[in-house]
Amino acid sequence: MKRFTLTLDLIDNEEKIAAYERYHEAVWPEILQSIRDSGIEQMEIYRFGNRLFMIIDSSDEFTFEQKAAADAGNEKVQEWEKLMWDYQQALPGSKPGEKWMLMKEIFKLEKKK
């Protein structure tokens, strides 16, 4: 299993943040299926203010490149992503069109053996 952590900012507007959360209370079934089909086994999103933090646990075969290729050919995913851009903003240092940015792990507490 692989684990990834990503971050993204929402537009700092209470109404937009509330609307974004409502969409995520009822994510479209086609979006959930595309996530599962890509090899993502678990996904969680947390929010503090307008900052989002995502944890992904995936199969060992999962790659972001394969997911991006599948998403590019999926009209419903493209519709969802376009809609989400109404609420999201790129992070400083990201390239044009980049959304969720991978985070670098800097510390991990391991179980005592």
N, C-alpha and C. Protein backbone atom coordinates (compact mmCIF):
# COMPACT_ATOMS: atom_id res chain seq x y z
N MET A 1 0.84 -1.17 0.00
CA MET A 1 0.00 0.00 0.00
C MET A 1 0.89 1.24 0.00
N LYS A 2 0.44 2.26 -0.73
CA LYS A 2 1.12 3.55 -0.76
C LYS A 2 0.25 4.58 -0.04
N ARG A 3 0.92 5.59 0.52
CA ARG A 3 0.20 6.69 1.15
C ARG A 3 0.72 8.01 0.58
N PHE A 4 -0.21 8.90 0.27
CA PHE A 4 0.12 10.23 -0.24
C PHE A 4 -0.62 11.26 0.59
N THR A 5 0.02 12.41 0.77
CA THR A 5 -0.65 13.54 1.42
C THR A 5 -0.57 14.72 0.46
N LEU A 6 -1.67 15.44 0.34
CA LEU A 6 -1.75 16.56 -0.58
C LEU A 6 -2.43 17.73 0.10
N THR A 7 -2.21 18.92 -0.44
CA THR A 7 -2.85 20.11 0.11
C THR A 7 -3.34 21.02 -1.03
N LEU A 8 -4.30 21.84 -0.67
CA LEU A 8 -4.93 22.76 -1.62
C LEU A 8 -5.62 23.84 -0.80
N ASP A 9 -5.75 25.03 -1.36
CA ASP A 9 -6.50 26.10 -0.71
C ASP A 9 -7.83 26.30 -1.42
N LEU A 10 -8.84 26.61 -0.62
CA LEU A 10 -10.12 27.05 -1.15
C LEU A 10 -10.10 28.57 -1.23
N ILE A 11 -10.95 29.12 -2.05
CA ILE A 11 -11.13 30.57 -2.06
C ILE A 11 -11.63 30.95 -0.67
N ASP A 12 -11.01 31.96 -0.09
CA ASP A 12 -11.30 32.32 1.30
C ASP A 12 -12.60 33.12 1.39
N ASN A 13 -13.72 32.38 1.29
CA ASN A 13 -15.05 32.96 1.29
C ASN A 13 -15.96 31.95 1.98
N GLU A 14 -16.60 32.35 3.07
CA GLU A 14 -17.40 31.42 3.88
C GLU A 14 -18.48 30.72 3.07
N GLU A 15 -19.16 31.44 2.18
CA GLU A 15 -20.22 30.82 1.39
C GLU A 15 -19.66 29.78 0.42
N LYS A 16 -18.53 30.10 -0.22
CA LYS A 16 -17.92 29.14 -1.14
C LYS A 16 -17.41 27.91 -0.39
N ILE A 17 -16.83 28.12 0.78
CA ILE A 17 -16.33 27.00 1.57
C ILE A 17 -17.51 26.11 1.99
N ALA A 18 -18.61 26.70 2.41
CA ALA A 18 -19.79 25.93 2.80
C ALA A 18 -20.34 25.14 1.62
N ALA A 19 -20.38 25.75 0.45
CA ALA A 19 -20.87 25.07 -0.75
C ALA A 19 -19.95 23.90 -1.11
N TYR A 20 -18.64 24.12 -1.02
CA TYR A 20 -17.66 23.07 -1.30
C TYR A 20 -17.88 21.88 -0.37
N GLU A 21 -18.10 22.16 0.90
CA GLU A 21 -18.35 21.07 1.86
C GLU A 21 -19.65 20.34 1.54
N ARG A 22 -20.68 21.07 1.11
CA ARG A 22 -21.94 20.41 0.74
C ARG A 22 -21.73 19.46 -0.43
N TYR A 23 -20.95 19.87 -1.43
CA TYR A 23 -20.65 18.97 -2.55
C TYR A 23 -19.97 17.70 -2.05
N HIS A 24 -19.12 17.83 -1.06
CA HIS A 24 -18.38 16.67 -0.58
C HIS A 24 -19.18 15.81 0.41
N GLU A 25 -20.34 16.27 0.81
CA GLU A 25 -21.26 15.44 1.59
C GLU A 25 -22.02 14.49 0.68
N ALA A 26 -22.05 14.79 -0.61
CA ALA A 26 -22.77 13.96 -1.58
C ALA A 26 -21.99 13.95 -2.90
N VAL A 27 -20.78 13.42 -2.84
CA VAL A 27 -19.95 13.35 -4.05
C VAL A 27 -20.66 12.48 -5.08
N TRP A 28 -20.63 12.92 -6.32
CA TRP A 28 -21.30 12.20 -7.40
C TRP A 28 -20.79 10.75 -7.46
N PRO A 29 -21.68 9.80 -7.67
CA PRO A 29 -21.27 8.39 -7.71
C PRO A 29 -20.20 8.10 -8.77
N GLU A 30 -20.27 8.79 -9.89
CA GLU A 30 -19.28 8.57 -10.96
C GLU A 30 -17.88 8.99 -10.51
N ILE A 31 -17.82 10.00 -9.66
CA ILE A 31 -16.53 10.47 -9.14
C ILE A 31 -15.98 9.45 -8.16
N LEU A 32 -16.82 8.96 -7.27
CA LEU A 32 -16.39 7.93 -6.32
C LEU A 32 -15.90 6.69 -7.06
N GLN A 33 -16.61 6.31 -8.12
CA GLN A 33 -16.20 5.13 -8.89
C GLN A 33 -14.86 5.35 -9.58
N SER A 34 -14.65 6.53 -10.12
CA SER A 34 -13.37 6.81 -10.80
C SER A 34 -12.22 6.78 -9.81
N ILE A 35 -12.47 7.24 -8.59
CA ILE A 35 -11.43 7.20 -7.54
C ILE A 35 -11.09 5.75 -7.22
N ARG A 36 -12.12 4.95 -6.99
CA ARG A 36 -11.89 3.53 -6.67
C ARG A 36 -11.22 2.80 -7.82
N ASP A 37 -11.68 3.05 -9.05
CA ASP A 37 -11.13 2.38 -10.23
C ASP A 37 -9.65 2.68 -10.43
N SER A 38 -9.18 3.82 -9.92
CA SER A 38 -7.78 4.21 -10.11
C SER A 38 -6.83 3.46 -9.18
N GLY A 39 -7.39 2.78 -8.18
CA GLY A 39 -6.54 2.08 -7.21
C GLY A 39 -6.47 2.77 -5.87
N ILE A 40 -7.23 3.85 -5.71
CA ILE A 40 -7.29 4.52 -4.41
C ILE A 40 -8.25 3.72 -3.53
N GLU A 41 -7.76 3.32 -2.37
CA GLU A 41 -8.54 2.48 -1.48
C GLU A 41 -9.18 3.28 -0.35
N GLN A 42 -8.55 4.36 0.05
CA GLN A 42 -9.05 5.20 1.14
C GLN A 42 -8.66 6.64 0.82
N MET A 43 -9.57 7.57 1.07
CA MET A 43 -9.28 8.98 0.86
C MET A 43 -10.00 9.78 1.94
N GLU A 44 -9.28 10.71 2.54
CA GLU A 44 -9.87 11.59 3.54
C GLU A 44 -9.44 13.02 3.22
N ILE A 45 -10.35 13.96 3.44
CA ILE A 45 -10.03 15.38 3.27
C ILE A 45 -10.40 16.10 4.56
N TYR A 46 -9.47 16.93 5.04
CA TYR A 46 -9.66 17.72 6.24
C TYR A 46 -9.52 19.20 5.87
N ARG A 47 -10.16 20.07 6.66
CA ARG A 47 -10.10 21.50 6.39
C ARG A 47 -9.77 22.26 7.66
N PHE A 48 -8.91 23.25 7.50
CA PHE A 48 -8.66 24.26 8.53
C PHE A 48 -8.71 25.61 7.83
N GLY A 49 -9.69 26.44 8.19
CA GLY A 49 -9.85 27.70 7.47
C GLY A 49 -10.15 27.39 6.01
N ASN A 50 -9.32 27.93 5.13
CA ASN A 50 -9.51 27.64 3.71
C ASN A 50 -8.47 26.64 3.19
N ARG A 51 -7.68 26.06 4.08
CA ARG A 51 -6.65 25.08 3.68
C ARG A 51 -7.20 23.67 3.80
N LEU A 52 -7.02 22.88 2.74
CA LEU A 52 -7.44 21.48 2.74
C LEU A 52 -6.21 20.58 2.83
N PHE A 53 -6.41 19.42 3.43
CA PHE A 53 -5.37 18.40 3.57
C PHE A 53 -6.01 17.07 3.20
N MET A 54 -5.40 16.34 2.26
CA MET A 54 -5.94 15.06 1.79
C MET A 54 -4.95 13.95 2.09
N ILE A 55 -5.49 12.83 2.56
CA ILE A 55 -4.70 11.61 2.75
C ILE A 55 -5.26 10.57 1.80
N ILE A 56 -4.38 9.96 1.02
CA ILE A 56 -4.76 8.90 0.09
C ILE A 56 -3.97 7.65 0.44
N ASP A 57 -4.68 6.53 0.59
CA ASP A 57 -4.05 5.22 0.67
C ASP A 57 -4.46 4.49 -0.60
N SER A 58 -3.46 3.94 -1.30
CA SER A 58 -3.73 3.33 -2.60
C SER A 58 -3.06 1.97 -2.71
N SER A 59 -3.43 1.27 -3.76
CA SER A 59 -2.74 0.03 -4.11
C SER A 59 -1.31 0.36 -4.52
N ASP A 60 -0.45 -0.63 -4.51
CA ASP A 60 0.93 -0.42 -4.94
C ASP A 60 1.02 -0.05 -6.42
N GLU A 61 0.01 -0.41 -7.19
CA GLU A 61 0.02 -0.15 -8.63
C GLU A 61 -0.42 1.27 -8.99
N PHE A 62 -1.03 1.97 -8.06
CA PHE A 62 -1.57 3.30 -8.32
C PHE A 62 -0.46 4.28 -8.74
N THR A 63 -0.78 5.12 -9.76
CA THR A 63 0.08 6.26 -10.09
C THR A 63 -0.82 7.45 -10.42
N PHE A 64 -0.33 8.63 -10.13
CA PHE A 64 -1.08 9.84 -10.47
C PHE A 64 -1.15 10.01 -11.98
N GLU A 65 -0.14 9.55 -12.69
CA GLU A 65 -0.15 9.67 -14.16
C GLU A 65 -1.27 8.84 -14.76
N GLN A 66 -1.44 7.60 -14.28
CA GLN A 66 -2.53 6.76 -14.79
C GLN A 66 -3.89 7.34 -14.43
N LYS A 67 -4.00 7.86 -13.22
CA LYS A 67 -5.28 8.47 -12.81
C LYS A 67 -5.59 9.68 -13.68
N ALA A 68 -4.59 10.52 -13.92
CA ALA A 68 -4.80 11.71 -14.76
C ALA A 68 -5.23 11.32 -16.17
N ALA A 69 -4.63 10.27 -16.72
CA ALA A 69 -4.99 9.82 -18.07
C ALA A 69 -6.42 9.32 -18.09
N ALA A 70 -6.82 8.55 -17.10
CA ALA A 70 -8.20 8.05 -17.03
C ALA A 70 -9.17 9.21 -16.83
N ASP A 71 -8.82 10.15 -15.97
CA ASP A 71 -9.69 11.31 -15.71
C ASP A 71 -9.88 12.16 -16.96
N ALA A 72 -8.84 12.29 -17.75
CA ALA A 72 -8.91 13.12 -18.96
C ALA A 72 -9.96 12.60 -19.93
N GLY A 73 -10.20 11.29 -19.92
CA GLY A 73 -11.18 10.69 -20.82
C GLY A 73 -12.54 10.48 -20.19
N ASN A 74 -12.75 10.99 -18.99
CA ASN A 74 -14.00 10.79 -18.28
C ASN A 74 -14.75 12.13 -18.19
N GLU A 75 -15.82 12.25 -18.96
CA GLU A 75 -16.56 13.52 -19.02
C GLU A 75 -17.10 13.96 -17.67
N LYS A 76 -17.58 13.01 -16.87
CA LYS A 76 -18.15 13.36 -15.57
C LYS A 76 -17.06 13.88 -14.63
N VAL A 77 -15.88 13.27 -14.66
CA VAL A 77 -14.76 13.75 -13.84
C VAL A 77 -14.37 15.15 -14.28
N GLN A 78 -14.32 15.38 -15.58
CA GLN A 78 -13.97 16.71 -16.07
C GLN A 78 -15.01 17.75 -15.65
N GLU A 79 -16.28 17.37 -15.67
CA GLU A 79 -17.34 18.27 -15.21
C GLU A 79 -17.16 18.60 -13.72
N TRP A 80 -16.88 17.58 -12.91
CA TRP A 80 -16.67 17.77 -11.47
C TRP A 80 -15.47 18.68 -11.23
N GLU A 81 -14.36 18.40 -11.90
CA GLU A 81 -13.14 19.19 -11.70
C GLU A 81 -13.36 20.65 -12.07
N LYS A 82 -14.07 20.88 -13.16
CA LYS A 82 -14.36 22.26 -13.58
C LYS A 82 -15.22 22.96 -12.52
N LEU A 83 -16.20 22.25 -11.99
CA LEU A 83 -17.05 22.80 -10.94
C LEU A 83 -16.24 23.11 -9.68
N MET A 84 -15.34 22.22 -9.29
CA MET A 84 -14.55 22.41 -8.07
C MET A 84 -13.62 23.61 -8.19
N TRP A 85 -13.16 23.94 -9.41
CA TRP A 85 -12.29 25.11 -9.59
C TRP A 85 -13.01 26.40 -9.19
N ASP A 86 -14.34 26.38 -9.15
CA ASP A 86 -15.08 27.57 -8.71
C ASP A 86 -14.85 27.85 -7.22
N TYR A 87 -14.34 26.87 -6.51
CA TYR A 87 -14.15 26.97 -5.06
C TYR A 87 -12.68 26.90 -4.65
N GLN A 88 -11.84 26.39 -5.52
CA GLN A 88 -10.44 26.15 -5.21
C GLN A 88 -9.56 27.25 -5.78
N GLN A 89 -8.37 27.39 -5.18
CA GLN A 89 -7.37 28.29 -5.75
C GLN A 89 -6.01 27.61 -5.68
N ALA A 90 -5.19 27.91 -6.64
CA ALA A 90 -3.86 27.30 -6.70
C ALA A 90 -3.01 27.79 -5.53
N LEU A 91 -2.15 26.92 -5.06
CA LEU A 91 -1.22 27.28 -4.00
C LEU A 91 -0.06 28.09 -4.57
N PRO A 92 0.51 28.98 -3.77
CA PRO A 92 1.73 29.67 -4.23
C PRO A 92 2.79 28.63 -4.60
N GLY A 93 3.45 28.86 -5.70
CA GLY A 93 4.49 27.94 -6.16
C GLY A 93 4.01 26.84 -7.06
N SER A 94 2.69 26.73 -7.24
CA SER A 94 2.18 25.69 -8.15
C SER A 94 2.21 26.22 -9.58
N LYS A 95 2.21 25.30 -10.52
CA LYS A 95 2.20 25.66 -11.94
C LYS A 95 0.76 25.92 -12.38
N PRO A 96 0.56 26.66 -13.47
CA PRO A 96 -0.80 26.92 -13.94
C PRO A 96 -1.58 25.62 -14.14
N GLY A 97 -2.79 25.60 -13.61
CA GLY A 97 -3.65 24.43 -13.74
C GLY A 97 -3.45 23.38 -12.67
N GLU A 98 -2.39 23.49 -11.86
CA GLU A 98 -2.17 22.51 -10.79
C GLU A 98 -3.10 22.80 -9.63
N LYS A 99 -3.64 21.75 -9.07
CA LYS A 99 -4.54 21.87 -7.93
C LYS A 99 -3.87 21.29 -6.70
N TRP A 100 -4.26 20.07 -6.39
CA TRP A 100 -3.73 19.40 -5.21
C TRP A 100 -2.23 19.21 -5.37
N MET A 101 -1.48 19.62 -4.35
CA MET A 101 -0.02 19.52 -4.39
C MET A 101 0.45 18.47 -3.38
N LEU A 102 1.33 17.59 -3.85
CA LEU A 102 1.90 16.58 -2.96
C LEU A 102 2.71 17.25 -1.86
N MET A 103 2.60 16.70 -0.69
CA MET A 103 3.34 17.23 0.45
C MET A 103 4.52 16.29 0.74
N LYS A 104 5.58 16.86 1.26
CA LYS A 104 6.77 16.09 1.61
C LYS A 104 6.67 15.65 3.07
N GLU A 105 6.86 14.37 3.29
CA GLU A 105 6.87 13.87 4.67
C GLU A 105 8.17 14.30 5.34
N ILE A 106 8.04 14.89 6.51
CA ILE A 106 9.25 15.33 7.21
C ILE A 106 9.43 14.64 8.56
N PHE A 107 8.40 13.90 9.01
CA PHE A 107 8.52 13.18 10.27
C PHE A 107 7.49 12.07 10.30
N LYS A 108 7.87 10.93 10.89
CA LYS A 108 6.94 9.82 11.05
C LYS A 108 7.33 9.08 12.32
N LEU A 109 6.39 8.95 13.23
CA LEU A 109 6.59 8.20 14.46
C LEU A 109 6.21 6.75 14.17
N GLU A 110 7.15 5.87 14.35
CA GLU A 110 6.93 4.44 14.10
C GLU A 110 6.48 3.74 15.37
N LYS A 111 5.76 2.64 15.21
CA LYS A 111 5.40 1.81 16.36
C LYS A 111 6.65 1.25 17.01
N LYS A 112 6.61 1.16 18.31
CA LYS A 112 7.71 0.53 19.05
C LYS A 112 7.63 -0.97 18.82
N LYS A 113 8.77 -1.59 18.63
CA LYS A 113 8.77 -3.05 18.41
C LYS A 113 9.28 -3.76 19.61
